[in-house]
Amino acid sequence: QVQLVESGGGLVQAGGSLRLSCAASISIASVPFMGWFRQAPGQQRELVAGITTAGTNYPDSMKGRFTVSRDNVKNTVSLQMNSLKPEDTAVYYCAVRRVPSSNLIWGQGTQVTVSS
């Protein structure tokens, strides 16, 4: 059973920064995808940033303020978030796809709240 444990969420003022971390119970060195998603109240879950075997990818709306990275020794994936805005308030989820075409496996989520 794969476990993903997120940490680093919290309350921050607009313009501030947070770094989220996701620790995986498996080796992530060869997984085809790991990434961060977020879901605000009443909204659909959306991709924030992802890492594949080919590199990183960000939706256009997320480029510039978010940076995703992975540590294949510690089996962690991190999300550095800068210049945070109130609209970034959401539950942030870590996810992994263990093999190509498999379903995503999700962490429990961590709350990020940005005050104005």
Protein backbone atom coordinates (compact mmCIF):
# COMPACT_ATOMS: atom_id res chain seq x y z
CA GLN A 1 0.00 0.00 0.00
CA VAL A 2 1.49 3.28 -1.12
CA GLN A 3 1.34 6.11 1.37
CA LEU A 4 1.87 9.77 0.63
CA VAL A 5 2.18 12.16 3.55
CA GLU A 6 2.03 15.89 2.88
CA SER A 7 3.35 18.56 5.21
CA GLY A 8 4.12 22.26 5.21
CA GLY A 9 0.69 23.77 4.81
CA GLY A 10 -0.60 26.57 6.99
CA LEU A 11 -1.67 30.19 7.15
CA VAL A 12 0.36 32.83 5.34
CA GLN A 13 -0.21 36.45 4.37
CA ALA A 14 -0.58 37.46 0.76
CA GLY A 15 2.82 37.87 -0.85
CA GLY A 16 4.38 35.26 1.40
CA SER A 17 5.85 31.85 0.64
CA LEU A 18 5.30 28.28 1.70
CA ARG A 19 7.07 25.04 0.90
CA LEU A 20 5.05 21.84 0.82
CA SER A 21 6.63 18.43 1.06
CA CYS A 22 5.30 14.99 0.22
CA ALA A 23 6.98 11.87 1.57
CA ALA A 24 6.30 8.64 -0.29
CA SER A 25 6.49 5.15 1.18
CA ILE A 26 7.90 3.83 -2.10
CA SER A 27 10.88 4.59 -4.25
CA ILE A 28 9.93 7.39 -6.61
CA ALA A 29 13.02 7.24 -8.79
CA SER A 30 11.26 5.52 -11.68
CA VAL A 31 7.61 6.46 -11.26
CA PRO A 32 6.23 8.07 -14.42
CA PHE A 33 4.48 10.93 -12.60
CA MET A 34 4.36 12.75 -9.30
CA GLY A 35 2.69 16.03 -8.73
CA TRP A 36 0.69 18.50 -6.75
CA PHE A 37 -2.97 19.31 -7.18
CA ARG A 38 -5.23 21.66 -5.28
CA GLN A 39 -8.92 21.95 -4.59
CA ALA A 40 -10.65 25.05 -3.30
CA PRO A 41 -14.16 24.89 -1.78
CA GLY A 42 -16.73 24.40 -4.50
CA GLN A 43 -14.07 24.01 -7.16
CA GLN A 44 -12.70 21.08 -9.11
CA ARG A 45 -9.34 19.65 -8.25
CA GLU A 46 -6.69 21.13 -10.53
CA LEU A 47 -3.09 20.41 -11.37
CA VAL A 48 -0.56 22.77 -9.85
CA ALA A 49 2.69 21.16 -10.94
CA GLY A 50 3.96 17.80 -12.05
CA ILE A 51 7.16 15.89 -12.57
CA THR A 52 7.47 13.17 -15.17
CA THR A 53 10.45 11.22 -16.40
CA ALA A 54 10.84 13.96 -19.03
CA GLY A 55 10.89 16.87 -16.60
CA THR A 56 8.53 19.31 -14.92
CA ASN A 57 5.27 20.67 -16.20
CA TYR A 58 3.01 23.46 -15.05
CA PRO A 59 -0.34 24.70 -16.28
CA ASP A 60 -0.01 28.19 -17.75
CA SER A 61 -1.88 29.67 -14.79
CA MET A 62 0.69 28.24 -12.37
CA LYS A 63 3.89 29.21 -14.16
CA GLY A 64 6.19 31.65 -12.45
CA ARG A 65 5.20 31.33 -8.78
CA PHE A 66 5.33 27.58 -8.18
CA THR A 67 8.32 25.27 -8.42
CA VAL A 68 8.17 21.51 -8.06
CA SER A 69 11.16 19.34 -7.28
CA ARG A 70 11.88 15.78 -6.30
CA ASP A 71 14.49 14.01 -4.18
CA ASN A 72 14.88 10.43 -5.31
CA VAL A 73 17.05 9.56 -2.31
CA LYS A 74 14.58 10.79 0.29
CA ASN A 75 11.57 9.81 -1.87
CA THR A 76 10.03 13.23 -1.50
CA VAL A 77 8.50 15.75 -3.86
CA SER A 78 8.27 19.38 -2.85
CA LEU A 79 6.34 22.42 -3.99
CA GLN A 80 7.81 25.87 -3.42
CA MET A 81 5.08 28.51 -3.57
CA ASN A 82 6.01 32.19 -3.76
CA SER A 83 4.06 35.44 -4.01
CA LEU A 84 0.99 33.70 -2.67
CA LYS A 85 -2.44 35.19 -3.28
CA PRO A 86 -5.73 34.69 -1.45
CA GLU A 87 -7.00 32.74 -4.46
CA ASP A 88 -4.28 30.16 -3.82
CA THR A 89 -6.21 29.12 -0.72
CA ALA A 90 -7.06 25.43 -1.10
CA VAL A 91 -6.30 21.94 0.07
CA TYR A 92 -3.14 20.81 -1.69
CA TYR A 93 -2.75 17.16 -2.56
CA CYS A 94 0.28 15.13 -3.54
CA ALA A 95 -0.26 12.36 -6.08
CA VAL A 96 1.76 9.61 -7.70
CA ARG A 97 1.26 7.35 -10.69
CA ARG A 98 3.28 4.22 -10.06
CA VAL A 99 3.18 2.78 -13.55
CA PRO A 100 2.02 4.23 -16.87
CA SER A 101 -1.77 4.36 -17.33
CA SER A 102 -2.46 3.47 -13.69
CA ASN A 103 -4.71 5.54 -11.46
CA LEU A 104 -3.26 8.32 -9.40
CA ILE A 105 -2.66 7.57 -5.73
CA TRP A 106 -3.43 10.51 -3.44
CA GLY A 107 -2.20 11.85 -0.16
CA GLN A 108 -4.57 13.13 2.50
CA GLY A 109 -4.01 16.77 1.60
CA THR A 110 -2.71 19.79 3.46
CA GLN A 111 -4.55 23.07 3.91
CA VAL A 112 -3.02 26.27 2.60
CA THR A 113 -4.74 29.50 3.58
CA VAL A 114 -3.58 32.86 2.25
CA SER A 115 -4.94 35.91 4.04
CA SER A 116 -5.33 39.27 2.36
